Amino acid sequence: MNGNAVESGSNYPRSVESIDQRLAHALQIDGRAPFAKIAEVLGTSEHTAARRYQRLKERGVRVKGALNRFRLGHHAWTLRLRCTPDAGPVLAQALANRSDTFWVHLMSGGTEISCLQQVESPDELLLDRLPRRLVDVSAHNILRGFASPGTWRGVACLTDDEAAALKPEFEPEPPTGLTGLDDALIAALTIDGRASFAELATTAGTSETTARRRVEHLRRTGVLELQLDADPAQFGFHTQARLWMRVQPRHLAQAGAALATHPEVYFAAATTGPANLVASVACRSSGDLYRYQTECIGMLDGLAELETAPVLRTLKRS
């Protein structure tokens, strides 16, 4: 994590940033880190860290658990749907209500929707269950991820040493099939990623020791991810957009790696299809989005084409 990221990723006054944004960055690194540990790294009291997190939750910034089906052998797809203006909001909400979709954006004045979906088989894609008021639908398999919300540099403001002190120390384990208990624990964590093990045990009908052991196992396998669920606008990034890029294959890996270093980018992946590199970006303003496209995206080697769709509303994130 870049210790200088505060210069490019924050517009908070230092007094506020030192509490709220530093806390948000800490929770992005480890969403279940004890407040005592977070307070020690941030140089504040445990009570203050807990109180400020409650304040962040009131603003819609919270830690949530997410099931990474990709680690279980499922396929990740990005869908792009164009529809009539009257159908956009209803269709976007219907997609957001599904358990297998995430990052559902209503874009381009309400005439376009994008979302991600993880399915066990391409046969399970929801394309055959969509309403008729669609103008166009395209589905693209995600081949390689370069950036995710968990690594978004826009919120980054801790020093390298502070970030390293908070990084969870897990020995990776190979993923295994989910049990009914795992399903119950993950479901509880999607509501509150910081629920105590005692609370999780009560919800899942097991012992606190078992709940702790299973959650730690799911984290080590990467099947359970803890994400900082936050609207980038909470940190001063009021203009969001989805970018589709066509990059010469020999430059694709380098371009994707470059995107992962940009504080504006909170998702980037290589995909199938004519636009083989997709990204979601958050900028401070439309002028900043213009600058980012011309000064950063425009400098990528091998870039042949760029298409931008402004995000009107995000109905679902993690």
C-alpha atoms as a PDB file:
ATOM      1  CA  MET A   1       0.000   0.000   0.000  1.00  0.00           C
ATOM      2  CA  ASN A   2       1.386   3.379  -0.981  1.00  0.00           C
ATOM      3  CA  GLY A   3       2.081   5.515   2.054  1.00  0.00           C
ATOM      4  CA  ASN A   4       1.743   8.633  -0.120  1.00  0.00           C
ATOM      5  CA  ALA A   5      -1.712   7.690  -1.353  1.00  0.00           C
ATOM      6  CA  VAL A   6      -3.268  10.317   0.881  1.00  0.00           C
ATOM      7  CA  GLU A   7      -2.130  12.993  -1.576  1.00  0.00           C
ATOM      8  CA  SER A   8      -4.078  11.514  -4.483  1.00  0.00           C
ATOM      9  CA  GLY A   9      -6.842   9.586  -2.727  1.00  0.00           C
ATOM     10  CA  SER A  10      -8.232  11.899  -0.065  1.00  0.00           C
ATOM     11  CA  ASN A  11      -9.957  15.256   0.065  1.00  0.00           C
ATOM     12  CA  TYR A  12     -10.669  15.199   3.798  1.00  0.00           C
ATOM     13  CA  PRO A  13      -9.166  17.866   6.040  1.00  0.00           C
ATOM     14  CA  ARG A  14      -6.392  16.205   8.003  1.00  0.00           C
ATOM     15  CA  SER A  15      -8.299  16.335  11.331  1.00  0.00           C
ATOM     16  CA  VAL A  16     -11.223  14.354   9.892  1.00  0.00           C
ATOM     17  CA  GLU A  17      -9.130  12.078   7.721  1.00  0.00           C
ATOM     18  CA  SER A  18      -7.004  11.069  10.705  1.00  0.00           C
ATOM     19  CA  ILE A  19     -10.084   9.527  12.273  1.00  0.00           C
ATOM     20  CA  ASP A  20     -12.588   8.514   9.601  1.00  0.00           C
ATOM     21  CA  GLN A  21     -10.559   7.821   6.500  1.00  0.00           C
ATOM     22  CA  ARG A  22      -7.709   6.217   8.406  1.00  0.00           C
ATOM     23  CA  LEU A  23     -10.253   3.997  10.130  1.00  0.00           C
ATOM     24  CA  ALA A  24     -11.869   3.143   6.788  1.00  0.00           C
ATOM     25  CA  HIS A  25      -8.484   2.212   5.339  1.00  0.00           C
ATOM     26  CA  ALA A  26      -7.754   0.034   8.370  1.00  0.00           C
ATOM     27  CA  LEU A  27     -11.069  -1.791   7.938  1.00  0.00           C
ATOM     28  CA  GLN A  28     -10.358  -2.252   4.238  1.00  0.00           C
ATOM     29  CA  ILE A  29      -7.159  -4.077   5.166  1.00  0.00           C
ATOM     30  CA  ASP A  30      -8.804  -6.284   7.807  1.00  0.00           C
ATOM     31  CA  GLY A  31     -12.514  -5.844   8.319  1.00  0.00           C
ATOM     32  CA  ARG A  32     -12.528  -7.944  11.505  1.00  0.00           C
ATOM     33  CA  ALA A  33      -9.445  -6.506  13.158  1.00  0.00           C
ATOM     34  CA  PRO A  34     -10.209  -5.822  16.863  1.00  0.00           C
ATOM     35  CA  PHE A  35     -10.779  -2.153  17.634  1.00  0.00           C
ATOM     36  CA  ALA A  36      -7.987  -2.402  20.205  1.00  0.00           C
ATOM     37  CA  LYS A  37      -5.520  -3.332  17.459  1.00  0.00           C
ATOM     38  CA  ILE A  38      -6.858  -0.686  15.086  1.00  0.00           C
ATOM     39  CA  ALA A  39      -6.647   1.950  17.818  1.00  0.00           C
ATOM     40  CA  GLU A  40      -3.040   1.028  18.579  1.00  0.00           C
ATOM     41  CA  VAL A  41      -2.034   1.433  14.927  1.00  0.00           C
ATOM     42  CA  LEU A  42      -4.001   4.637  14.420  1.00  0.00           C
ATOM     43  CA  GLY A  43      -2.824   6.202  17.663  1.00  0.00           C
ATOM     44  CA  THR A  44      -6.238   6.647  19.223  1.00  0.00           C
ATOM     45  CA  SER A  45      -8.332   4.981  21.898  1.00  0.00           C
ATOM     46  CA  GLU A  46     -10.331   1.786  21.425  1.00  0.00           C
ATOM     47  CA  HIS A  47     -13.475   3.670  22.445  1.00  0.00           C
ATOM     48  CA  THR A  48     -12.855   6.336  19.806  1.00  0.00           C
ATOM     49  CA  ALA A  49     -12.256   3.747  17.081  1.00  0.00           C
ATOM     50  CA  ALA A  50     -15.487   1.919  17.928  1.00  0.00           C
ATOM     51  CA  ARG A  51     -17.464   5.157  18.184  1.00  0.00           C
ATOM     52  CA  ARG A  52     -16.169   6.471  14.867  1.00  0.00           C
ATOM     53  CA  TYR A  53     -17.041   3.174  13.178  1.00  0.00           C
ATOM     54  CA  GLN A  54     -20.606   3.541  14.420  1.00  0.00           C
ATOM     55  CA  ARG A  55     -20.614   7.024  12.911  1.00  0.00           C
ATOM     56  CA  LEU A  56     -19.357   5.613   9.613  1.00  0.00           C
ATOM     57  CA  LYS A  57     -22.112   2.991   9.654  1.00  0.00           C
ATOM     58  CA  GLU A  58     -24.678   5.760  10.006  1.00  0.00           C
ATOM     59  CA  ARG A  59     -23.267   7.184   6.773  1.00  0.00           C
ATOM     60  CA  GLY A  60     -23.548   3.829   5.002  1.00  0.00           C
ATOM     61  CA  VAL A  61     -19.903   2.768   5.380  1.00  0.00           C
ATOM     62  CA  ARG A  62     -19.653  -0.688   6.914  1.00  0.00           C
ATOM     63  CA  VAL A  63     -17.845  -4.022   6.742  1.00  0.00           C
ATOM     64  CA  LYS A  64     -19.715  -6.852   5.037  1.00  0.00           C
ATOM     65  CA  GLY A  65     -18.844 -10.442   4.310  1.00  0.00           C
ATOM     66  CA  ALA A  66     -18.998 -11.682   0.724  1.00  0.00           C
ATOM     67  CA  LEU A  67     -18.954 -15.191  -0.705  1.00  0.00           C
ATOM     68  CA  ASN A  68     -16.251 -15.564  -3.352  1.00  0.00           C
ATOM     69  CA  ARG A  69     -17.733 -18.317  -5.516  1.00  0.00           C
ATOM     70  CA  PHE A  70     -14.774 -18.019  -7.877  1.00  0.00           C
ATOM     71  CA  ARG A  71     -12.666 -19.802  -5.228  1.00  0.00           C
ATOM     72  CA  LEU A  72     -15.150 -22.688  -5.389  1.00  0.00           C
ATOM     73  CA  GLY A  73     -14.615 -23.140  -9.118  1.00  0.00           C
ATOM     74  CA  HIS A  74     -17.475 -20.943 -10.283  1.00  0.00           C
ATOM     75  CA  HIS A  75     -17.208 -18.584 -13.237  1.00  0.00           C
ATOM     76  CA  ALA A  76     -17.278 -14.804 -12.983  1.00  0.00           C
ATOM     77  CA  TRP A  77     -19.053 -12.813 -15.673  1.00  0.00           C
ATOM     78  CA  THR A  78     -19.664  -9.156 -16.344  1.00  0.00           C
ATOM     79  CA  LEU A  79     -22.995  -8.356 -17.992  1.00  0.00           C
ATOM     80  CA  ARG A  80     -23.900  -5.240 -19.944  1.00  0.00           C
ATOM     81  CA  LEU A  81     -27.562  -4.571 -20.696  1.00  0.00           C
ATOM     82  CA  ARG A  82     -29.133  -1.774 -22.702  1.00  0.00           C
ATOM     83  CA  CYS A  83     -32.834  -1.152 -22.225  1.00  0.00           C
ATOM     84  CA  THR A  84     -35.619   1.358 -22.708  1.00  0.00           C
ATOM     85  CA  PRO A  85     -35.506   4.211 -20.152  1.00  0.00           C
ATOM     86  CA  ASP A  86     -38.707   3.109 -18.407  1.00  0.00           C
ATOM     87  CA  ALA A  87     -37.334  -0.405 -17.838  1.00  0.00           C
ATOM     88  CA  GLY A  88     -33.926   0.545 -16.457  1.00  0.00           C
ATOM     89  CA  PRO A  89     -34.639   1.196 -12.755  1.00  0.00           C
ATOM     90  CA  VAL A  90     -36.998  -1.768 -12.383  1.00  0.00           C
ATOM     91  CA  LEU A  91     -34.637  -4.183 -14.105  1.00  0.00           C
ATOM     92  CA  ALA A  92     -31.618  -2.936 -12.159  1.00  0.00           C
ATOM     93  CA  GLN A  93     -33.461  -3.453  -8.867  1.00  0.00           C
ATOM     94  CA  ALA A  94     -34.521  -6.950  -9.921  1.00  0.00           C
ATOM     95  CA  LEU A  95     -30.889  -7.816 -10.660  1.00  0.00           C
ATOM     96  CA  ALA A  96     -29.775  -6.371  -7.329  1.00  0.00           C
ATOM     97  CA  ASN A  97     -32.285  -8.564  -5.505  1.00  0.00           C
ATOM     98  CA  ARG A  98     -30.619 -11.739  -6.789  1.00  0.00           C
ATOM     99  CA  SER A  99     -28.152 -13.532  -4.496  1.00  0.00           C
ATOM    100  CA  ASP A 100     -25.671 -14.265  -7.313  1.00  0.00           C
ATOM    101  CA  THR A 101     -25.209 -10.690  -8.583  1.00  0.00           C
ATOM    102  CA  PHE A 102     -23.089  -7.841  -7.278  1.00  0.00           C
ATOM    103  CA  TRP A 103     -21.904  -4.410  -8.382  1.00  0.00           C
ATOM    104  CA  VAL A 104     -25.188  -3.576 -10.082  1.00  0.00           C
ATOM    105  CA  HIS A 105     -24.936  -0.137 -11.719  1.00  0.00           C
ATOM    106  CA  LEU A 106     -27.658   1.884 -13.416  1.00  0.00           C
ATOM    107  CA  MET A 107     -25.871   4.015 -15.985  1.00  0.00           C
ATOM    108  CA  SER A 108     -26.159   6.395 -18.927  1.00  0.00           C
ATOM    109  CA  GLY A 109     -29.290   8.200 -17.822  1.00  0.00           C
ATOM    110  CA  GLY A 110     -31.042   4.959 -16.913  1.00  0.00           C
ATOM    111  CA  THR A 111     -30.740   3.273 -20.304  1.00  0.00           C
ATOM    112  CA  GLU A 112     -27.890   0.945 -19.410  1.00  0.00           C
ATOM    113  CA  ILE A 113     -27.097  -1.530 -16.638  1.00  0.00           C
ATOM    114  CA  SER A 114     -23.945  -3.398 -15.763  1.00  0.00           C
ATOM    115  CA  CYS A 115     -23.490  -6.083 -13.157  1.00  0.00           C
ATOM    116  CA  LEU A 116     -21.250  -8.951 -12.177  1.00  0.00           C
ATOM    117  CA  GLN A 117     -22.457 -12.505 -11.692  1.00  0.00           C
ATOM    118  CA  GLN A 118     -20.769 -15.660 -10.384  1.00  0.00           C
ATOM    119  CA  VAL A 119     -22.229 -18.949 -11.596  1.00  0.00           C
ATOM    120  CA  GLU A 120     -21.226 -22.591 -11.328  1.00  0.00           C
ATOM    121  CA  SER A 121     -21.841 -23.111 -15.052  1.00  0.00           C
ATOM    122  CA  PRO A 122     -22.361 -20.708 -17.989  1.00  0.00           C
ATOM    123  CA  ASP A 123     -25.754 -22.407 -18.404  1.00  0.00           C
ATOM    124  CA  GLU A 124     -26.859 -20.617 -15.227  1.00  0.00           C
ATOM    125  CA  LEU A 125     -26.406 -17.113 -16.634  1.00  0.00           C
ATOM    126  CA  LEU A 126     -29.609 -15.145 -16.211  1.00  0.00           C
ATOM    127  CA  LEU A 127     -29.824 -14.091 -19.864  1.00  0.00           C
ATOM    128  CA  ASP A 128     -32.874 -16.244 -20.611  1.00  0.00           C
ATOM    129  CA  ARG A 129     -34.807 -14.779 -17.669  1.00  0.00           C
ATOM    130  CA  LEU A 130     -34.610 -11.121 -18.573  1.00  0.00           C
ATOM    131  CA  PRO A 131     -37.623  -9.042 -19.665  1.00  0.00           C
ATOM    132  CA  ARG A 132     -38.298  -8.255 -23.310  1.00  0.00           C
ATOM    133  CA  ARG A 133     -37.745  -4.505 -23.034  1.00  0.00           C
ATOM    134  CA  LEU A 134     -34.011  -4.972 -23.530  1.00  0.00           C
ATOM    135  CA  VAL A 135     -32.335  -3.426 -26.533  1.00  0.00           C
ATOM    136  CA  ASP A 136     -29.069  -5.350 -26.241  1.00  0.00           C
ATOM    137  CA  VAL A 137     -27.340  -7.774 -23.875  1.00  0.00           C
ATOM    138  CA  SER A 138     -23.717  -8.887 -23.786  1.00  0.00           C
ATOM    139  CA  ALA A 139     -21.964 -11.240 -21.355  1.00  0.00           C
ATOM    140  CA  HIS A 140     -18.207 -11.422 -20.929  1.00  0.00           C
ATOM    141  CA  ASN A 141     -16.258 -14.005 -18.955  1.00  0.00           C
ATOM    142  CA  ILE A 142     -13.767 -12.510 -16.501  1.00  0.00           C
ATOM    143  CA  LEU A 143     -10.399 -14.074 -17.242  1.00  0.00           C
ATOM    144  CA  ARG A 144      -8.116 -12.253 -14.844  1.00  0.00           C
ATOM    145  CA  GLY A 145      -8.704  -9.718 -12.083  1.00  0.00           C
ATOM    146  CA  PHE A 146      -6.304  -6.823 -11.581  1.00  0.00           C
ATOM    147  CA  ALA A 147      -8.036  -4.612  -8.993  1.00  0.00           C
ATOM    148  CA  SER A 148     -10.911  -5.078  -6.565  1.00  0.00           C
ATOM    149  CA  PRO A 149     -12.664  -2.887  -3.958  1.00  0.00           C
ATOM    150  CA  GLY A 150     -10.478  -4.493  -1.299  1.00  0.00           C
ATOM    151  CA  THR A 151      -7.404  -2.919  -2.877  1.00  0.00           C
ATOM    152  CA  TRP A 152      -8.955   0.434  -3.879  1.00  0.00           C
ATOM    153  CA  ARG A 153      -6.310   3.106  -3.360  1.00  0.00           C
ATOM    154  CA  GLY A 154      -8.792   5.957  -3.248  1.00  0.00           C
ATOM    155  CA  VAL A 155      -9.358   5.400   0.470  1.00  0.00           C
ATOM    156  CA  ALA A 156      -5.700   4.648   1.217  1.00  0.00           C
ATOM    157  CA  CYS A 157      -3.966   6.997   3.632  1.00  0.00           C
ATOM    158  CA  LEU A 158      -2.056   4.793   6.091  1.00  0.00           C
ATOM    159  CA  THR A 159       1.692   4.462   5.846  1.00  0.00           C
ATOM    160  CA  ASP A 160       3.234   1.229   4.631  1.00  0.00           C
ATOM    161  CA  ASP A 161       4.196   0.281   8.197  1.00  0.00           C
ATOM    162  CA  GLU A 162       0.691   0.975   9.527  1.00  0.00           C
ATOM    163  CA  ALA A 163      -0.894  -1.067   6.740  1.00  0.00           C
ATOM    164  CA  ALA A 164       1.513  -3.957   7.324  1.00  0.00           C
ATOM    165  CA  ALA A 165       0.671  -3.987  11.048  1.00  0.00           C
ATOM    166  CA  LEU A 166      -3.012  -4.483  10.228  1.00  0.00           C
ATOM    167  CA  LYS A 167      -2.673  -7.054   7.481  1.00  0.00           C
ATOM    168  CA  PRO A 168      -4.124 -10.386   8.670  1.00  0.00           C
ATOM    169  CA  GLU A 169      -1.606 -13.197   8.947  1.00  0.00           C
ATOM    170  CA  PHE A 170      -3.295 -16.269   7.501  1.00  0.00           C
ATOM    171  CA  GLU A 171      -1.678 -19.366   6.075  1.00  0.00           C
ATOM    172  CA  PRO A 172      -3.618 -20.009   2.838  1.00  0.00           C
ATOM    173  CA  GLU A 173      -5.653 -23.208   2.657  1.00  0.00           C
ATOM    174  CA  PRO A 174      -7.253 -24.908  -0.353  1.00  0.00           C
ATOM    175  CA  PRO A 175     -11.012 -24.275  -0.561  1.00  0.00           C
ATOM    176  CA  THR A 176     -13.441 -27.027   0.391  1.00  0.00           C
ATOM    177  CA  GLY A 177     -17.149 -27.490  -0.172  1.00  0.00           C
ATOM    178  CA  LEU A 178     -19.451 -25.372   1.953  1.00  0.00           C
ATOM    179  CA  THR A 179     -21.438 -26.911   4.777  1.00  0.00           C
ATOM    180  CA  GLY A 180     -24.836 -25.793   6.031  1.00  0.00           C
ATOM    181  CA  LEU A 181     -23.073 -24.168   8.969  1.00  0.00           C
ATOM    182  CA  ASP A 182     -20.786 -22.270   6.593  1.00  0.00           C
ATOM    183  CA  ASP A 183     -23.809 -21.003   4.666  1.00  0.00           C
ATOM    184  CA  ALA A 184     -25.403 -19.735   7.875  1.00  0.00           C
ATOM    185  CA  LEU A 185     -22.216 -17.997   9.025  1.00  0.00           C
ATOM    186  CA  ILE A 186     -21.636 -16.340   5.658  1.00  0.00           C
ATOM    187  CA  ALA A 187     -25.254 -15.197   5.525  1.00  0.00           C
ATOM    188  CA  ALA A 188     -24.849 -13.539   8.937  1.00  0.00           C
ATOM    189  CA  LEU A 189     -21.585 -11.905   7.909  1.00  0.00           C
ATOM    190  CA  THR A 190     -23.115 -10.446   4.749  1.00  0.00           C
ATOM    191  CA  ILE A 191     -25.346  -8.461   7.072  1.00  0.00           C
ATOM    192  CA  ASP A 192     -22.630  -7.496   9.561  1.00  0.00           C
ATOM    193  CA  GLY A 193     -19.048  -8.385   8.731  1.00  0.00           C
ATOM    194  CA  ARG A 194     -17.942  -7.439  12.248  1.00  0.00           C
ATOM    195  CA  ALA A 195     -20.525  -9.514  14.131  1.00  0.00           C
ATOM    196  CA  SER A 196     -18.893 -11.110  17.175  1.00  0.00           C
ATOM    197  CA  PHE A 197     -18.266 -14.840  17.248  1.00  0.00           C
ATOM    198  CA  ALA A 198     -20.813 -15.086  20.054  1.00  0.00           C
ATOM    199  CA  GLU A 199     -23.419 -13.412  17.832  1.00  0.00           C
ATOM    200  CA  LEU A 200     -22.490 -15.621  14.884  1.00  0.00           C
ATOM    201  CA  ALA A 201     -22.734 -18.741  17.049  1.00  0.00           C
ATOM    202  CA  THR A 202     -26.224 -17.781  18.231  1.00  0.00           C
ATOM    203  CA  THR A 203     -27.397 -17.040  14.694  1.00  0.00           C
ATOM    204  CA  ALA A 204     -25.940 -20.230  13.223  1.00  0.00           C
ATOM    205  CA  GLY A 205     -26.905 -22.467  16.135  1.00  0.00           C
ATOM    206  CA  THR A 206     -23.407 -23.611  17.058  1.00  0.00           C
ATOM    207  CA  SER A 207     -20.738 -22.965  19.669  1.00  0.00           C
ATOM    208  CA  GLU A 208     -18.591 -19.851  19.725  1.00  0.00           C
ATOM    209  CA  THR A 209     -15.455 -21.986  19.309  1.00  0.00           C
ATOM    210  CA  THR A 210     -16.859 -23.698  16.219  1.00  0.00           C
ATOM    211  CA  ALA A 211     -18.019 -20.401  14.736  1.00  0.00           C
ATOM    212  CA  ARG A 212     -14.533 -18.950  15.179  1.00  0.00           C
ATOM    213  CA  ARG A 213     -12.856 -22.001  13.655  1.00  0.00           C
ATOM    214  CA  ARG A 214     -15.131 -22.098  10.584  1.00  0.00           C
ATOM    215  CA  VAL A 215     -14.919 -18.353   9.916  1.00  0.00           C
ATOM    216  CA  GLU A 216     -11.137 -18.421  10.139  1.00  0.00           C
ATOM    217  CA  HIS A 217     -11.057 -21.422   7.795  1.00  0.00           C
ATOM    218  CA  LEU A 218     -13.292 -19.662   5.271  1.00  0.00           C
ATOM    219  CA  ARG A 219     -11.054 -16.605   5.371  1.00  0.00           C
ATOM    220  CA  ARG A 220      -7.885 -18.647   4.886  1.00  0.00           C
ATOM    221  CA  THR A 221      -9.384 -20.353   1.835  1.00  0.00           C
ATOM    222  CA  GLY A 222     -10.458 -17.029   0.339  1.00  0.00           C
ATOM    223  CA  VAL A 223     -14.063 -18.232   0.062  1.00  0.00           C
ATOM    224  CA  LEU A 224     -15.107 -15.583   2.591  1.00  0.00           C
ATOM    225  CA  GLU A 225     -14.032 -12.040   1.844  1.00  0.00           C
ATOM    226  CA  LEU A 226     -14.550  -9.080   4.151  1.00  0.00           C
ATOM    227  CA  GLN A 227     -15.167  -5.922   2.194  1.00  0.00           C
ATOM    228  CA  LEU A 228     -15.497  -2.288   3.135  1.00  0.00           C
ATOM    229  CA  ASP A 229     -18.922  -1.584   1.666  1.00  0.00           C
ATOM    230  CA  ALA A 230     -18.923   2.136   0.955  1.00  0.00           C
ATOM    231  CA  ASP A 231     -20.098   4.610  -1.623  1.00  0.00           C
ATOM    232  CA  PRO A 232     -16.934   6.316  -2.948  1.00  0.00           C
ATOM    233  CA  ALA A 233     -18.840   9.609  -2.681  1.00  0.00           C
ATOM    234  CA  GLN A 234     -18.398   9.316   1.093  1.00  0.00           C
ATOM    235  CA  PHE A 235     -14.701   9.945   0.490  1.00  0.00           C
ATOM    236  CA  GLY A 236     -15.099  12.762  -2.010  1.00  0.00           C
ATOM    237  CA  PHE A 237     -15.359  10.723  -5.237  1.00  0.00           C
ATOM    238  CA  HIS A 238     -18.682  11.945  -6.625  1.00  0.00           C
ATOM    239  CA  THR A 239     -18.309  10.901 -10.278  1.00  0.00           C
ATOM    240  CA  GLN A 240     -18.249   7.197 -11.076  1.00  0.00           C
ATOM    241  CA  ALA A 241     -18.066   5.460 -14.435  1.00  0.00           C
ATOM    242  CA  ARG A 242     -17.660   2.097 -16.075  1.00  0.00           C
ATOM    243  CA  LEU A 243     -14.942   1.860 -18.722  1.00  0.00           C
ATOM    244  CA  TRP A 244     -14.640  -0.661 -21.529  1.00  0.00           C
ATOM    245  CA  MET A 245     -11.301  -0.763 -23.302  1.00  0.00           C
ATOM    246  CA  ARG A 246      -9.939  -2.641 -26.288  1.00  0.00           C
ATOM    247  CA  VAL A 247      -6.245  -3.292 -25.764  1.00  0.00           C
ATOM    248  CA  GLN A 248      -3.818  -5.099 -28.016  1.00  0.00           C
ATOM    249  CA  PRO A 249      -3.330  -8.591 -26.500  1.00  0.00           C
ATOM    250  CA  ARG A 250       0.414  -8.194 -26.043  1.00  0.00           C
ATOM    251  CA  HIS A 251      -0.197  -5.100 -23.879  1.00  0.00           C
ATOM    252  CA  LEU A 252      -3.194  -6.442 -21.934  1.00  0.00           C
ATOM    253  CA  ALA A 253      -1.393  -7.692 -18.818  1.00  0.00           C
ATOM    254  CA  GLN A 254       0.699  -4.537 -18.553  1.00  0.00           C
ATOM    255  CA  ALA A 255      -2.355  -2.284 -18.982  1.00  0.00           C
ATOM    256  CA  GLY A 256      -4.312  -4.192 -16.327  1.00  0.00           C
ATOM    257  CA  ALA A 257      -1.424  -4.002 -13.882  1.00  0.00           C
ATOM    258  CA  ALA A 258      -1.149  -0.263 -14.493  1.00  0.00           C
ATOM    259  CA  LEU A 259      -4.860   0.247 -13.751  1.00  0.00           C
ATOM    260  CA  ALA A 260      -4.429  -1.502 -10.403  1.00  0.00           C
ATOM    261  CA  THR A 261      -2.057   1.296  -9.308  1.00  0.00           C
ATOM    262  CA  HIS A 262      -4.482   4.127 -10.107  1.00  0.00           C
ATOM    263  CA  PRO A 263      -6.326   5.556  -7.064  1.00  0.00           C
ATOM    264  CA  GLU A 264      -9.383   6.135  -9.275  1.00  0.00           C
ATOM    265  CA  VAL A 265      -9.810   2.425 -10.096  1.00  0.00           C
ATOM    266  CA  TYR A 266     -11.723   0.157  -7.713  1.00  0.00           C
ATOM    267  CA  PHE A 267     -12.266  -2.723 -10.148  1.00  0.00           C
ATOM    268  CA  ALA A 268     -10.370  -3.866 -13.240  1.00  0.00           C
ATOM    269  CA  ALA A 269     -10.329  -7.177 -15.085  1.00  0.00           C
ATOM    270  CA  ALA A 270      -9.450  -8.780 -18.405  1.00  0.00           C
ATOM    271  CA  THR A 271     -12.491 -10.252 -20.137  1.00  0.00           C
ATOM    272  CA  THR A 272     -13.585 -12.034 -23.261  1.00  0.00           C
ATOM    273  CA  GLY A 273     -15.158 -10.000 -26.054  1.00  0.00           C
ATOM    274  CA  PRO A 274     -14.072  -7.088 -28.257  1.00  0.00           C
ATOM    275  CA  ALA A 275     -13.594  -4.864 -25.175  1.00  0.00           C
ATOM    276  CA  ASN A 276     -11.070  -7.060 -23.389  1.00  0.00           C
ATOM    277  CA  LEU A 277     -10.350  -4.801 -20.374  1.00  0.00           C
ATOM    278  CA  VAL A 278     -13.089  -3.448 -18.105  1.00  0.00           C
ATOM    279  CA  ALA A 279     -12.757  -1.058 -15.179  1.00  0.00           C
ATOM    280  CA  SER A 280     -14.889   0.810 -12.661  1.00  0.00           C
ATOM    281  CA  VAL A 281     -13.557   4.202 -11.615  1.00  0.00           C
ATOM    282  CA  ALA A 282     -14.418   6.863  -9.057  1.00  0.00           C
ATOM    283  CA  CYS A 283     -13.323  10.462  -9.578  1.00  0.00           C
ATOM    284  CA  ARG A 284     -13.991  13.672  -7.692  1.00  0.00           C
ATOM    285  CA  SER A 285     -15.845  15.358 -10.563  1.00  0.00           C
ATOM    286  CA  SER A 286     -16.617  15.069 -14.263  1.00  0.00           C
ATOM    287  CA  GLY A 287     -13.612  17.283 -14.913  1.00  0.00           C
ATOM    288  CA  ASP A 288     -11.435  14.885 -12.968  1.00  0.00           C
ATOM    289  CA  LEU A 289     -12.876  11.974 -14.981  1.00  0.00           C
ATOM    290  CA  TYR A 290     -11.911  13.805 -18.172  1.00  0.00           C
ATOM    291  CA  ARG A 291      -8.400  14.384 -16.838  1.00  0.00           C
ATOM    292  CA  TYR A 292      -8.122  10.728 -15.804  1.00  0.00           C
ATOM    293  CA  GLN A 293      -9.161   9.478 -19.239  1.00  0.00           C
ATOM    294  CA  THR A 294      -6.854  11.793 -21.156  1.00  0.00           C
ATOM    295  CA  GLU A 295      -3.823  11.784 -18.895  1.00  0.00           C
ATOM    296  CA  CYS A 296      -3.910   8.229 -17.488  1.00  0.00           C
ATOM    297  CA  ILE A 297      -6.044   5.925 -19.628  1.00  0.00           C
ATOM    298  CA  GLY A 298      -4.876   7.626 -22.797  1.00  0.00           C
ATOM    299  CA  MET A 299      -1.267   6.826 -21.905  1.00  0.00           C
ATOM    300  CA  LEU A 300      -1.774   3.045 -21.680  1.00  0.00           C
ATOM    301  CA  ASP A 301       0.321   1.188 -24.234  1.00  0.00           C
ATOM    302  CA  GLY A 302      -1.742  -0.732 -26.749  1.00  0.00           C
ATOM    303  CA  LEU A 303      -5.030   1.057 -26.071  1.00  0.00           C
ATOM    304  CA  ALA A 304      -7.072   1.032 -29.271  1.00  0.00           C
ATOM    305  CA  GLU A 305     -10.528   2.063 -28.075  1.00  0.00           C
ATOM    306  CA  LEU A 306     -12.249   3.411 -24.954  1.00  0.00           C
ATOM    307  CA  GLU A 307     -15.952   3.586 -24.128  1.00  0.00           C
ATOM    308  CA  THR A 308     -17.259   5.311 -20.992  1.00  0.00           C
ATOM    309  CA  ALA A 309     -20.661   5.048 -19.283  1.00  0.00           C
ATOM    310  CA  PRO A 310     -21.335   7.317 -16.281  1.00  0.00           C
ATOM    311  CA  VAL A 311     -22.870   5.572 -13.253  1.00  0.00           C
ATOM    312  CA  LEU A 312     -26.204   7.111 -12.317  1.00  0.00           C
ATOM    313  CA  ARG A 313     -26.792   4.928  -9.253  1.00  0.00           C
ATOM    314  CA  THR A 314     -25.295   1.820  -7.668  1.00  0.00           C
ATOM    315  CA  LEU A 315     -28.024  -0.478  -6.411  1.00  0.00           C
ATOM    316  CA  LYS A 316     -25.738  -3.172  -5.047  1.00  0.00           C
ATOM    317  CA  ARG A 317     -22.056  -3.390  -4.279  1.00  0.00           C
ATOM    318  CA  SER A 318     -20.706  -6.437  -2.428  1.00  0.00           C
END
